[in-house]
Amino acid sequence: MTENKNTGNKGEEMASVYLTKRGFQILEKNWRHKHWEVDLIASSKKNILHFIEIKTRTTMKYGYPEESIGKKKMDNLRNAAEEYQYLHPEWKYIQFDVLAILLHPHEQVSYFLLEDVYF
């Protein structure tokens, strides 16, 4: 397994813990349909279904984690969300979020949650 994949997996696990502590209920991890994938699907106390893209980095060499999310990724997230909502029509309200995690080598981990991302 590559170092990037290991970092991504670690970030997704950390994201689950972070979001659960903030009142989210994790419904799906790495949910797939065709070639689309959603890192986390969660519900909130406001009865909103959240489709969450997790980006984790160990360095700022290439910028902030959230800066690496492009139009194609968001299109894929939207397509996956449409299919998930088709399969689960009980969800009337959805939201797209991005959780950026920066793993500093000798510092505390930083989390940056961008909620209700519009694209």
PDB file of N, CA and C in Angstrom:
ATOM      1  N   MET A   1       0.847  -1.176   0.000  1.00  0.00           N
ATOM      2  CA  MET A   1       0.000   0.000   0.000  1.00  0.00           C
ATOM      3  C   MET A   1       0.894   1.241   0.000  1.00  0.00           C
ATOM      4  N   THR A   2       0.539   2.231  -0.802  1.00  0.00           N
ATOM      5  CA  THR A   2       1.361   3.427  -0.902  1.00  0.00           C
ATOM      6  C   THR A   2       1.197   4.318   0.332  1.00  0.00           C
ATOM      7  N   GLU A   3       2.172   5.206   0.498  1.00  0.00           N
ATOM      8  CA  GLU A   3       2.120   6.127   1.638  1.00  0.00           C
ATOM      9  C   GLU A   3       0.891   7.035   1.547  1.00  0.00           C
ATOM     10  N   ASN A   4       0.558   7.487   0.327  1.00  0.00           N
ATOM     11  CA  ASN A   4      -0.624   8.335   0.156  1.00  0.00           C
ATOM     12  C   ASN A   4      -1.899   7.601   0.549  1.00  0.00           C
ATOM     13  N   LYS A   5      -2.001   6.328   0.167  1.00  0.00           N
ATOM     14  CA  LYS A   5      -3.177   5.527   0.515  1.00  0.00           C
ATOM     15  C   LYS A   5      -3.262   5.331   2.026  1.00  0.00           C
ATOM     16  N   ASN A   6      -2.117   5.076   2.655  1.00  0.00           N
ATOM     17  CA  ASN A   6      -2.088   4.936   4.119  1.00  0.00           C
ATOM     18  C   ASN A   6      -2.544   6.222   4.800  1.00  0.00           C
ATOM     19  N   THR A   7      -2.050   7.362   4.300  1.00  0.00           N
ATOM     20  CA  THR A   7      -2.445   8.655   4.857  1.00  0.00           C
ATOM     21  C   THR A   7      -3.939   8.869   4.678  1.00  0.00           C
ATOM     22  N   GLY A   8      -4.460   8.551   3.507  1.00  0.00           N
ATOM     23  CA  GLY A   8      -5.889   8.689   3.237  1.00  0.00           C
ATOM     24  C   GLY A   8      -6.738   7.817   4.140  1.00  0.00           C
ATOM     25  N   ASN A   9      -6.328   6.573   4.321  1.00  0.00           N
ATOM     26  CA  ASN A   9      -7.068   5.659   5.205  1.00  0.00           C
ATOM     27  C   ASN A   9      -7.060   6.155   6.646  1.00  0.00           C
ATOM     28  N   LYS A  10      -5.899   6.616   7.095  1.00  0.00           N
ATOM     29  CA  LYS A  10      -5.785   7.152   8.457  1.00  0.00           C
ATOM     30  C   LYS A  10      -6.688   8.367   8.617  1.00  0.00           C
ATOM     31  N   GLY A  11      -6.675   9.241   7.614  1.00  0.00           N
ATOM     32  CA  GLY A  11      -7.521  10.430   7.651  1.00  0.00           C
ATOM     33  C   GLY A  11      -8.997  10.093   7.704  1.00  0.00           C
ATOM     34  N   GLU A  12      -9.412   9.095   6.950  1.00  0.00           N
ATOM     35  CA  GLU A  12     -10.826   8.711   6.953  1.00  0.00           C
ATOM     36  C   GLU A  12     -11.255   8.158   8.310  1.00  0.00           C
ATOM     37  N   GLU A  13     -10.377   7.411   8.952  1.00  0.00           N
ATOM     38  CA  GLU A  13     -10.692   6.905  10.295  1.00  0.00           C
ATOM     39  C   GLU A  13     -10.763   8.053  11.301  1.00  0.00           C
ATOM     40  N   MET A  14      -9.813   8.975  11.201  1.00  0.00           N
ATOM     41  CA  MET A  14      -9.808  10.138  12.092  1.00  0.00           C
ATOM     42  C   MET A  14     -11.050  10.998  11.852  1.00  0.00           C
ATOM     43  N   ALA A  15     -11.462  11.124  10.602  1.00  0.00           N
ATOM     44  CA  ALA A  15     -12.644  11.898  10.250  1.00  0.00           C
ATOM     45  C   ALA A  15     -13.895  11.296  10.888  1.00  0.00           C
ATOM     46  N   SER A  16     -14.002   9.982  10.867  1.00  0.00           N
ATOM     47  CA  SER A  16     -15.157   9.310  11.475  1.00  0.00           C
ATOM     48  C   SER A  16     -15.263   9.651  12.956  1.00  0.00           C
ATOM     49  N   VAL A  17     -14.145   9.598  13.644  1.00  0.00           N
ATOM     50  CA  VAL A  17     -14.120   9.909  15.083  1.00  0.00           C
ATOM     51  C   VAL A  17     -14.473  11.382  15.300  1.00  0.00           C
ATOM     52  N   TYR A  18     -13.839  12.258  14.534  1.00  0.00           N
ATOM     53  CA  TYR A  18     -14.065  13.703  14.650  1.00  0.00           C
ATOM     54  C   TYR A  18     -15.551  14.041  14.447  1.00  0.00           C
ATOM     55  N   LEU A  19     -16.143  13.508  13.393  1.00  0.00           N
ATOM     56  CA  LEU A  19     -17.533  13.822  13.085  1.00  0.00           C
ATOM     57  C   LEU A  19     -18.497  13.208  14.097  1.00  0.00           C
ATOM     58  N   THR A  20     -18.215  12.001  14.556  1.00  0.00           N
ATOM     59  CA  THR A  20     -19.062  11.348  15.553  1.00  0.00           C
ATOM     60  C   THR A  20     -19.097  12.172  16.843  1.00  0.00           C
ATOM     61  N   LYS A  21     -17.952  12.707  17.244  1.00  0.00           N
ATOM     62  CA  LYS A  21     -17.886  13.545  18.451  1.00  0.00           C
ATOM     63  C   LYS A  21     -18.689  14.831  18.285  1.00  0.00           C
ATOM     64  N   ARG A  22     -18.937  15.224  17.060  1.00  0.00           N
ATOM     65  CA  ARG A  22     -19.695  16.446  16.786  1.00  0.00           C
ATOM     66  C   ARG A  22     -21.161  16.159  16.459  1.00  0.00           C
ATOM     67  N   GLY A  23     -21.611  14.961  16.759  1.00  0.00           N
ATOM     68  CA  GLY A  23     -23.029  14.647  16.645  1.00  0.00           C
ATOM     69  C   GLY A  23     -23.478  14.004  15.348  1.00  0.00           C
ATOM     70  N   PHE A  24     -22.551  13.710  14.454  1.00  0.00           N
ATOM     71  CA  PHE A  24     -22.915  13.033  13.213  1.00  0.00           C
ATOM     72  C   PHE A  24     -23.024  11.532  13.471  1.00  0.00           C
ATOM     73  N   GLN A  25     -23.896  10.883  12.731  1.00  0.00           N
ATOM     74  CA  GLN A  25     -23.965   9.422  12.749  1.00  0.00           C
ATOM     75  C   GLN A  25     -23.440   8.942  11.405  1.00  0.00           C
ATOM     76  N   ILE A  26     -22.373   8.161  11.438  1.00  0.00           N
ATOM     77  CA  ILE A  26     -21.775   7.653  10.208  1.00  0.00           C
ATOM     78  C   ILE A  26     -22.654   6.525   9.674  1.00  0.00           C
ATOM     79  N   LEU A  27     -23.143   6.677   8.448  1.00  0.00           N
ATOM     80  CA  LEU A  27     -24.001   5.673   7.830  1.00  0.00           C
ATOM     81  C   LEU A  27     -23.228   4.770   6.880  1.00  0.00           C
ATOM     82  N   GLU A  28     -22.282   5.345   6.161  1.00  0.00           N
ATOM     83  CA  GLU A  28     -21.503   4.589   5.165  1.00  0.00           C
ATOM     84  C   GLU A  28     -20.078   5.108   5.131  1.00  0.00           C
ATOM     85  N   LYS A  29     -19.156   4.188   4.911  1.00  0.00           N
ATOM     86  CA  LYS A  29     -17.757   4.545   4.676  1.00  0.00           C
ATOM     87  C   LYS A  29     -17.365   3.993   3.309  1.00  0.00           C
ATOM     88  N   ASN A  30     -16.750   4.840   2.499  1.00  0.00           N
ATOM     89  CA  ASN A  30     -16.302   4.447   1.159  1.00  0.00           C
ATOM     90  C   ASN A  30     -17.414   3.793   0.349  1.00  0.00           C
ATOM     91  N   TRP A  31     -18.573   4.450   0.337  1.00  0.00           N
ATOM     92  CA  TRP A  31     -19.718   3.931  -0.417  1.00  0.00           C
ATOM     93  C   TRP A  31     -19.453   4.088  -1.909  1.00  0.00           C
ATOM     94  N   ARG A  32     -19.682   3.012  -2.651  1.00  0.00           N
ATOM     95  CA  ARG A  32     -19.390   3.007  -4.083  1.00  0.00           C
ATOM     96  C   ARG A  32     -20.630   2.671  -4.898  1.00  0.00           C
ATOM     97  N   HIS A  33     -20.664   3.325  -6.057  1.00  0.00           N
ATOM     98  CA  HIS A  33     -21.633   2.975  -7.091  1.00  0.00           C
ATOM     99  C   HIS A  33     -20.925   3.212  -8.413  1.00  0.00           C
ATOM    100  N   LYS A  34     -20.845   2.173  -9.210  1.00  0.00           N
ATOM    101  CA  LYS A  34     -20.091   2.213 -10.465  1.00  0.00           C
ATOM    102  C   LYS A  34     -18.663   2.675 -10.156  1.00  0.00           C
ATOM    103  N   HIS A  35     -18.226   3.745 -10.783  1.00  0.00           N
ATOM    104  CA  HIS A  35     -16.863   4.225 -10.528  1.00  0.00           C
ATOM    105  C   HIS A  35     -16.833   5.426  -9.587  1.00  0.00           C
ATOM    106  N   TRP A  36     -17.973   5.724  -8.966  1.00  0.00           N
ATOM    107  CA  TRP A  36     -18.052   6.842  -8.027  1.00  0.00           C
ATOM    108  C   TRP A  36     -17.886   6.330  -6.603  1.00  0.00           C
ATOM    109  N   GLU A  37     -17.285   7.159  -5.764  1.00  0.00           N
ATOM    110  CA  GLU A  37     -17.118   6.792  -4.351  1.00  0.00           C
ATOM    111  C   GLU A  37     -17.331   8.022  -3.485  1.00  0.00           C
ATOM    112  N   VAL A  38     -17.977   7.802  -2.352  1.00  0.00           N
ATOM    113  CA  VAL A  38     -18.149   8.839  -1.338  1.00  0.00           C
ATOM    114  C   VAL A  38     -17.384   8.362  -0.109  1.00  0.00           C
ATOM    115  N   ASP A  39     -16.476   9.212   0.393  1.00  0.00           N
ATOM    116  CA  ASP A  39     -15.668   8.816   1.547  1.00  0.00           C
ATOM    117  C   ASP A  39     -16.538   8.503   2.757  1.00  0.00           C
ATOM    118  N   LEU A  40     -17.409   9.441   3.121  1.00  0.00           N
ATOM    119  CA  LEU A  40     -18.310   9.229   4.256  1.00  0.00           C
ATOM    120  C   LEU A  40     -19.701   9.755   3.916  1.00  0.00           C
ATOM    121  N   ILE A  41     -20.685   9.010   4.342  1.00  0.00           N
ATOM    122  CA  ILE A  41     -22.070   9.471   4.295  1.00  0.00           C
ATOM    123  C   ILE A  41     -22.545   9.438   5.735  1.00  0.00           C
ATOM    124  N   ALA A  42     -23.068  10.570   6.194  1.00  0.00           N
ATOM    125  CA  ALA A  42     -23.459  10.686   7.595  1.00  0.00           C
ATOM    126  C   ALA A  42     -24.773  11.450   7.703  1.00  0.00           C
ATOM    127  N   SER A  43     -25.418  11.297   8.838  1.00  0.00           N
ATOM    128  CA  SER A  43     -26.618  12.082   9.112  1.00  0.00           C
ATOM    129  C   SER A  43     -26.335  12.988  10.300  1.00  0.00           C
ATOM    130  N   SER A  44     -27.059  14.087  10.340  1.00  0.00           N
ATOM    131  CA  SER A  44     -26.899  15.033  11.447  1.00  0.00           C
ATOM    132  C   SER A  44     -28.199  15.104  12.232  1.00  0.00           C
ATOM    133  N   LYS A  45     -28.130  15.775  13.351  1.00  0.00           N
ATOM    134  CA  LYS A  45     -29.306  15.924  14.209  1.00  0.00           C
ATOM    135  C   LYS A  45     -30.420  16.709  13.522  1.00  0.00           C
ATOM    136  N   LYS A  46     -30.070  17.451  12.482  1.00  0.00           N
ATOM    137  CA  LYS A  46     -31.056  18.249  11.746  1.00  0.00           C
ATOM    138  C   LYS A  46     -31.729  17.436  10.647  1.00  0.00           C
ATOM    139  N   ASN A  47     -31.544  16.112  10.671  1.00  0.00           N
ATOM    140  CA  ASN A  47     -32.122  15.207   9.677  1.00  0.00           C
ATOM    141  C   ASN A  47     -31.644  15.529   8.261  1.00  0.00           C
ATOM    142  N   ILE A  48     -30.356  15.873   8.159  1.00  0.00           N
ATOM    143  CA  ILE A  48     -29.719  16.154   6.873  1.00  0.00           C
ATOM    144  C   ILE A  48     -28.772  15.013   6.559  1.00  0.00           C
ATOM    145  N   LEU A  49     -28.770  14.586   5.321  1.00  0.00           N
ATOM    146  CA  LEU A  49     -27.838  13.567   4.849  1.00  0.00           C
ATOM    147  C   LEU A  49     -26.608  14.277   4.287  1.00  0.00           C
ATOM    148  N   HIS A  50     -25.447  13.970   4.832  1.00  0.00           N
ATOM    149  CA  HIS A  50     -24.202  14.630   4.450  1.00  0.00           C
ATOM    150  C   HIS A  50     -23.337  13.687   3.613  1.00  0.00           C
ATOM    151  N   PHE A  51     -22.902  14.188   2.467  1.00  0.00           N
ATOM    152  CA  PHE A  51     -21.930  13.493   1.629  1.00  0.00           C
ATOM    153  C   PHE A  51     -20.608  14.220   1.847  1.00  0.00           C
ATOM    154  N   ILE A  52     -19.648  13.498   2.427  1.00  0.00           N
ATOM    155  CA  ILE A  52     -18.439  14.152   2.907  1.00  0.00           C
ATOM    156  C   ILE A  52     -17.198  13.627   2.189  1.00  0.00           C
ATOM    157  N   GLU A  53     -16.478  14.544   1.593  1.00  0.00           N
ATOM    158  CA  GLU A  53     -15.188  14.245   0.963  1.00  0.00           C
ATOM    159  C   GLU A  53     -14.104  14.543   1.989  1.00  0.00           C
ATOM    160  N   ILE A  54     -13.232  13.569   2.222  1.00  0.00           N
ATOM    161  CA  ILE A  54     -12.142  13.718   3.189  1.00  0.00           C
ATOM    162  C   ILE A  54     -10.844  13.899   2.415  1.00  0.00           C
ATOM    163  N   LYS A  55     -10.079  14.922   2.776  1.00  0.00           N
ATOM    164  CA  LYS A  55      -8.757  15.143   2.184  1.00  0.00           C
ATOM    165  C   LYS A  55      -7.752  15.262   3.320  1.00  0.00           C
ATOM    166  N   THR A  56      -6.723  14.432   3.263  1.00  0.00           N
ATOM    167  CA  THR A  56      -5.722  14.398   4.322  1.00  0.00           C
ATOM    168  C   THR A  56      -4.340  14.609   3.726  1.00  0.00           C
ATOM    169  N   ARG A  57      -3.559  15.426   4.383  1.00  0.00           N
ATOM    170  CA  ARG A  57      -2.177  15.660   3.957  1.00  0.00           C
ATOM    171  C   ARG A  57      -1.265  15.676   5.174  1.00  0.00           C
ATOM    172  N   THR A  58       0.005  15.373   4.899  1.00  0.00           N
ATOM    173  CA  THR A  58       1.011  15.394   5.963  1.00  0.00           C
ATOM    174  C   THR A  58       1.962  16.578   5.814  1.00  0.00           C
ATOM    175  N   THR A  59       1.807  17.324   4.741  1.00  0.00           N
ATOM    176  CA  THR A  59       2.676  18.458   4.477  1.00  0.00           C
ATOM    177  C   THR A  59       1.899  19.533   3.721  1.00  0.00           C
ATOM    178  N   MET A  60       2.401  20.750   3.797  1.00  0.00           N
ATOM    179  CA  MET A  60       1.795  21.855   3.059  1.00  0.00           C
ATOM    180  C   MET A  60       2.512  22.079   1.724  1.00  0.00           C
ATOM    181  N   LYS A  61       3.371  21.160   1.354  1.00  0.00           N
ATOM    182  CA  LYS A  61       4.168  21.294   0.136  1.00  0.00           C
ATOM    183  C   LYS A  61       3.305  21.570  -1.100  1.00  0.00           C
ATOM    184  N   TYR A  62       2.134  20.968  -1.159  1.00  0.00           N
ATOM    185  CA  TYR A  62       1.246  21.125  -2.304  1.00  0.00           C
ATOM    186  C   TYR A  62      -0.004  21.938  -1.954  1.00  0.00           C
ATOM    187  N   GLY A  63       0.031  22.675  -0.875  1.00  0.00           N
ATOM    188  CA  GLY A  63      -1.096  23.502  -0.458  1.00  0.00           C
ATOM    189  C   GLY A  63      -1.980  22.808   0.571  1.00  0.00           C
ATOM    190  N   TYR A  64      -3.064  23.468   0.888  1.00  0.00           N
ATOM    191  CA  TYR A  64      -4.015  22.921   1.855  1.00  0.00           C
ATOM    192  C   TYR A  64      -4.737  21.718   1.254  1.00  0.00           C
ATOM    193  N   PRO A  65      -5.125  20.769   2.092  1.00  0.00           N
ATOM    194  CA  PRO A  65      -5.793  19.564   1.572  1.00  0.00           C
ATOM    195  C   PRO A  65      -7.030  19.874   0.727  1.00  0.00           C
ATOM    196  N   GLU A  66      -7.838  20.803   1.188  1.00  0.00           N
ATOM    197  CA  GLU A  66      -9.092  21.108   0.491  1.00  0.00           C
ATOM    198  C   GLU A  66      -8.876  21.728  -0.891  1.00  0.00           C
ATOM    199  N   GLU A  67      -7.691  22.269  -1.130  1.00  0.00           N
ATOM    200  CA  GLU A  67      -7.403  22.871  -2.432  1.00  0.00           C
ATOM    201  C   GLU A  67      -7.239  21.843  -3.543  1.00  0.00           C
ATOM    202  N   SER A  68      -7.101  20.593  -3.183  1.00  0.00           N
ATOM    203  CA  SER A  68      -6.883  19.552  -4.192  1.00  0.00           C
ATOM    204  C   SER A  68      -8.184  18.975  -4.755  1.00  0.00           C
ATOM    205  N   ILE A  69      -9.317  19.494  -4.317  1.00  0.00           N
ATOM    206  CA  ILE A  69     -10.603  18.995  -4.794  1.00  0.00           C
ATOM    207  C   ILE A  69     -11.034  19.824  -6.001  1.00  0.00           C
ATOM    208  N   GLY A  70     -11.137  19.146  -7.116  1.00  0.00           N
ATOM    209  CA  GLY A  70     -11.487  19.831  -8.356  1.00  0.00           C
ATOM    210  C   GLY A  70     -12.924  19.595  -8.775  1.00  0.00           C
ATOM    211  N   LYS A  71     -13.276  20.173  -9.902  1.00  0.00           N
ATOM    212  CA  LYS A  71     -14.624  20.057 -10.444  1.00  0.00           C
ATOM    213  C   LYS A  71     -15.003  18.600 -10.727  1.00  0.00           C
ATOM    214  N   LYS A  72     -14.083  17.833 -11.293  1.00  0.00           N
ATOM    215  CA  LYS A  72     -14.395  16.438 -11.620  1.00  0.00           C
ATOM    216  C   LYS A  72     -14.743  15.651 -10.355  1.00  0.00           C
ATOM    217  N   LYS A  73     -13.987  15.856  -9.279  1.00  0.00           N
ATOM    218  CA  LYS A  73     -14.258  15.153  -8.021  1.00  0.00           C
ATOM    219  C   LYS A  73     -15.635  15.535  -7.489  1.00  0.00           C
ATOM    220  N   MET A  74     -15.962  16.817  -7.539  1.00  0.00           N
ATOM    221  CA  MET A  74     -17.262  17.252  -7.039  1.00  0.00           C
ATOM    222  C   MET A  74     -18.391  16.743  -7.938  1.00  0.00           C
ATOM    223  N   ASP A  75     -18.161  16.672  -9.243  1.00  0.00           N
ATOM    224  CA  ASP A  75     -19.167  16.083 -10.138  1.00  0.00           C
ATOM    225  C   ASP A  75     -19.406  14.623  -9.794  1.00  0.00           C
ATOM    226  N   ASN A  76     -18.322  13.895  -9.538  1.00  0.00           N
ATOM    227  CA  ASN A  76     -18.448  12.488  -9.149  1.00  0.00           C
ATOM    228  C   ASN A  76     -19.191  12.344  -7.827  1.00  0.00           C
ATOM    229  N   LEU A  77     -18.915  13.230  -6.892  1.00  0.00           N
ATOM    230  CA  LEU A  77     -19.593  13.198  -5.594  1.00  0.00           C
ATOM    231  C   LEU A  77     -21.091  13.459  -5.781  1.00  0.00           C
ATOM    232  N   ARG A  78     -21.427  14.413  -6.619  1.00  0.00           N
ATOM    233  CA  ARG A  78     -22.832  14.727  -6.884  1.00  0.00           C
ATOM    234  C   ARG A  78     -23.533  13.534  -7.550  1.00  0.00           C
ATOM    235  N   ASN A  79     -22.875  12.913  -8.521  1.00  0.00           N
ATOM    236  CA  ASN A  79     -23.467  11.748  -9.198  1.00  0.00           C
ATOM    237  C   ASN A  79     -23.699  10.595  -8.224  1.00  0.00           C
ATOM    238  N   ALA A  80     -22.739  10.346  -7.361  1.00  0.00           N
ATOM    239  CA  ALA A  80     -22.892   9.289  -6.357  1.00  0.00           C
ATOM    240  C   ALA A  80     -24.034   9.628  -5.400  1.00  0.00           C
ATOM    241  N   ALA A  81     -24.114  10.890  -5.010  1.00  0.00           N
ATOM    242  CA  ALA A  81     -25.175  11.319  -4.097  1.00  0.00           C
ATOM    243  C   ALA A  81     -26.552  11.140  -4.716  1.00  0.00           C
ATOM    244  N   GLU A  82     -26.669  11.446  -5.998  1.00  0.00           N
ATOM    245  CA  GLU A  82     -27.952  11.258  -6.684  1.00  0.00           C
ATOM    246  C   GLU A  82     -28.375   9.793  -6.653  1.00  0.00           C
ATOM    247  N   GLU A  83     -27.437   8.891  -6.888  1.00  0.00           N
ATOM    248  CA  GLU A  83     -27.751   7.458  -6.860  1.00  0.00           C
ATOM    249  C   GLU A  83     -28.111   7.009  -5.442  1.00  0.00           C
ATOM    250  N   TYR A  84     -27.361   7.489  -4.459  1.00  0.00           N
ATOM    251  CA  TYR A  84     -27.638   7.108  -3.074  1.00  0.00           C
ATOM    252  C   TYR A  84     -29.030   7.596  -2.666  1.00  0.00           C
ATOM    253  N   GLN A  85     -29.352   8.806  -3.042  1.00  0.00           N
ATOM    254  CA  GLN A  85     -30.666   9.343  -2.684  1.00  0.00           C
ATOM    255  C   GLN A  85     -31.785   8.597  -3.418  1.00  0.00           C
ATOM    256  N   TYR A  86     -31.520   8.155  -4.626  1.00  0.00           N
ATOM    257  CA  TYR A  86     -32.489   7.337  -5.351  1.00  0.00           C
ATOM    258  C   TYR A  86     -32.750   6.028  -4.595  1.00  0.00           C
ATOM    259  N   LEU A  87     -31.682   5.435  -4.063  1.00  0.00           N
ATOM    260  CA  LEU A  87     -31.803   4.176  -3.310  1.00  0.00           C
ATOM    261  C   LEU A  87     -32.389   4.377  -1.916  1.00  0.00           C
ATOM    262  N   HIS A  88     -32.271   5.607  -1.400  1.00  0.00           N
ATOM    263  CA  HIS A  88     -32.746   5.929  -0.043  1.00  0.00           C
ATOM    264  C   HIS A  88     -33.610   7.189  -0.108  1.00  0.00           C
ATOM    265  N   PRO A  89     -34.809   7.083  -0.672  1.00  0.00           N
ATOM    266  CA  PRO A  89     -35.644   8.270  -0.894  1.00  0.00           C
ATOM    267  C   PRO A  89     -36.176   8.923   0.392  1.00  0.00           C
ATOM    268  N   GLU A  90     -35.976   8.280   1.514  1.00  0.00           N
ATOM    269  CA  GLU A  90     -36.459   8.865   2.772  1.00  0.00           C
ATOM    270  C   GLU A  90     -35.697  10.142   3.147  1.00  0.00           C
ATOM    271  N   TRP A  91     -34.531  10.348   2.539  1.00  0.00           N
ATOM    272  CA  TRP A  91     -33.732  11.549   2.820  1.00  0.00           C
ATOM    273  C   TRP A  91     -34.185  12.668   1.902  1.00  0.00           C
ATOM    274  N   LYS A  92     -34.735  13.706   2.488  1.00  0.00           N
ATOM    275  CA  LYS A  92     -35.241  14.842   1.715  1.00  0.00           C
ATOM    276  C   LYS A  92     -34.221  15.970   1.628  1.00  0.00           C
ATOM    277  N   TYR A  93     -33.343  16.063   2.607  1.00  0.00           N
ATOM    278  CA  TYR A  93     -32.367  17.149   2.648  1.00  0.00           C
ATOM    279  C   TYR A  93     -30.960  16.582   2.610  1.00  0.00           C
ATOM    280  N   ILE A  94     -30.169  17.078   1.662  1.00  0.00           N
ATOM    281  CA  ILE A  94     -28.787  16.612   1.558  1.00  0.00           C
ATOM    282  C   ILE A  94     -27.848  17.812   1.578  1.00  0.00           C
ATOM    283  N   GLN A  95     -26.610  17.508   1.887  1.00  0.00           N
ATOM    284  CA  GLN A  95     -25.594  18.547   1.949  1.00  0.00           C
ATOM    285  C   GLN A  95     -24.249  17.936   1.580  1.00  0.00           C
ATOM    286  N   PHE A  96     -23.429  18.713   0.896  1.00  0.00           N
ATOM    287  CA  PHE A  96     -22.079  18.288   0.549  1.00  0.00           C
ATOM    288  C   PHE A  96     -21.100  19.023   1.442  1.00  0.00           C
ATOM    289  N   ASP A  97     -20.199  18.266   2.052  1.00  0.00           N
ATOM    290  CA  ASP A  97     -19.203  18.830   2.957  1.00  0.00           C
ATOM    291  C   ASP A  97     -17.817  18.328   2.569  1.00  0.00           C
ATOM    292  N   VAL A  98     -16.807  19.080   2.978  1.00  0.00           N
ATOM    293  CA  VAL A  98     -15.418  18.680   2.805  1.00  0.00           C
ATOM    294  C   VAL A  98     -14.751  18.772   4.171  1.00  0.00           C
ATOM    295  N   LEU A  99     -14.066  17.718   4.553  1.00  0.00           N
ATOM    296  CA  LEU A  99     -13.290  17.740   5.794  1.00  0.00           C
ATOM    297  C   LEU A  99     -11.824  17.602   5.425  1.00  0.00           C
ATOM    298  N   ALA A 100     -11.072  18.668   5.678  1.00  0.00           N
ATOM    299  CA  ALA A 100      -9.638  18.683   5.399  1.00  0.00           C
ATOM    300  C   ALA A 100      -8.896  18.407   6.700  1.00  0.00           C
ATOM    301  N   ILE A 101      -7.945  17.481   6.627  1.00  0.00           N
ATOM    302  CA  ILE A 101      -7.160  17.098   7.801  1.00  0.00           C
ATOM    303  C   ILE A 101      -5.694  17.281   7.466  1.00  0.00           C
ATOM    304  N   LEU A 102      -4.993  17.990   8.337  1.00  0.00           N
ATOM    305  CA  LEU A 102      -3.563  18.201   8.161  1.00  0.00           C
ATOM    306  C   LEU A 102      -2.847  17.546   9.337  1.00  0.00           C
ATOM    307  N   LEU A 103      -2.054  16.517   9.005  1.00  0.00           N
ATOM    308  CA  LEU A 103      -1.304  15.772  10.019  1.00  0.00           C
ATOM    309  C   LEU A 103       0.088  16.387  10.144  1.00  0.00           C
ATOM    310  N   HIS A 104       0.245  17.282  11.102  1.00  0.00           N
ATOM    311  CA  HIS A 104       1.536  17.920  11.330  1.00  0.00           C
ATOM    312  C   HIS A 104       2.450  16.935  12.045  1.00  0.00           C
ATOM    313  N   PRO A 105       3.702  16.809  11.610  1.00  0.00           N
ATOM    314  CA  PRO A 105       4.603  15.821  12.220  1.00  0.00           C
ATOM    315  C   PRO A 105       4.790  15.983  13.731  1.00  0.00           C
ATOM    316  N   HIS A 106       4.947  17.210  14.204  1.00  0.00           N
ATOM    317  CA  HIS A 106       5.231  17.413  15.628  1.00  0.00           C
ATOM    318  C   HIS A 106       4.231  18.361  16.278  1.00  0.00           C
ATOM    319  N   GLU A 107       3.066  18.466  15.670  1.00  0.00           N
ATOM    320  CA  GLU A 107       2.034  19.356  16.192  1.00  0.00           C
ATOM    321  C   GLU A 107       0.704  18.616  16.267  1.00  0.00           C
ATOM    322  N   GLN A 108      -0.271  19.291  16.828  1.00  0.00           N
ATOM    323  CA  GLN A 108      -1.614  18.732  16.917  1.00  0.00           C
ATOM    324  C   GLN A 108      -2.240  18.663  15.518  1.00  0.00           C
ATOM    325  N   VAL A 109      -3.027  17.664  15.275  1.00  0.00           N
ATOM    326  CA  VAL A 109      -3.743  17.498  14.007  1.00  0.00           C
ATOM    327  C   VAL A 109      -4.728  18.653  13.856  1.00  0.00           C
ATOM    328  N   SER A 110      -4.837  19.197  12.637  1.00  0.00           N
ATOM    329  CA  SER A 110      -5.819  20.260  12.417  1.00  0.00           C
ATOM    330  C   SER A 110      -6.923  19.750  11.485  1.00  0.00           C
ATOM    331  N   TYR A 111      -8.142  20.127  11.835  1.00  0.00           N
ATOM    332  CA  TYR A 111      -9.326  19.754  11.081  1.00  0.00           C
ATOM    333  C   TYR A 111      -9.981  21.032  10.574  1.00  0.00           C
ATOM    334  N   PHE A 112     -10.445  21.008   9.340  1.00  0.00           N
ATOM    335  CA  PHE A 112     -11.148  22.149   8.761  1.00  0.00           C
ATOM    336  C   PHE A 112     -12.361  21.598   8.016  1.00  0.00           C
ATOM    337  N   LEU A 113     -13.547  21.847   8.575  1.00  0.00           N
ATOM    338  CA  LEU A 113     -14.787  21.340   7.995  1.00  0.00           C
ATOM    339  C   LEU A 113     -15.461  22.447   7.191  1.00  0.00           C
ATOM    340  N   LEU A 114     -15.559  22.222   5.898  1.00  0.00           N
ATOM    341  CA  LEU A 114     -16.284  23.129   5.005  1.00  0.00           C
ATOM    342  C   LEU A 114     -17.673  22.540   4.809  1.00  0.00           C
ATOM    343  N   GLU A 115     -18.673  23.219   5.334  1.00  0.00           N
ATOM    344  CA  GLU A 115     -20.022  22.686   5.281  1.00  0.00           C
ATOM    345  C   GLU A 115     -20.829  23.321   4.154  1.00  0.00           C
ATOM    346  N   ASP A 116     -21.723  22.525   3.617  1.00  0.00           N
ATOM    347  CA  ASP A 116     -22.656  22.963   2.590  1.00  0.00           C
ATOM    348  C   ASP A 116     -21.927  23.598   1.416  1.00  0.00           C
ATOM    349  N   VAL A 117     -20.988  22.816   0.873  1.00  0.00           N
ATOM    350  CA  VAL A 117     -20.172  23.262  -0.255  1.00  0.00           C
ATOM    351  C   VAL A 117     -21.059  23.353  -1.486  1.00  0.00           C
ATOM    352  N   TYR A 118     -20.972  24.459  -2.157  1.00  0.00           N
ATOM    353  CA  TYR A 118     -21.732  24.676  -3.390  1.00  0.00           C
ATOM    354  C   TYR A 118     -20.791  24.531  -4.571  1.00  0.00           C
ATOM    355  N   PHE A 119     -21.201  23.802  -5.570  1.00  0.00           N
ATOM    356  CA  PHE A 119     -20.346  23.630  -6.752  1.00  0.00           C
ATOM    357  C   PHE A 119     -21.168  23.652  -8.015  1.00  0.00           C
TER     358      PHE A 119
END
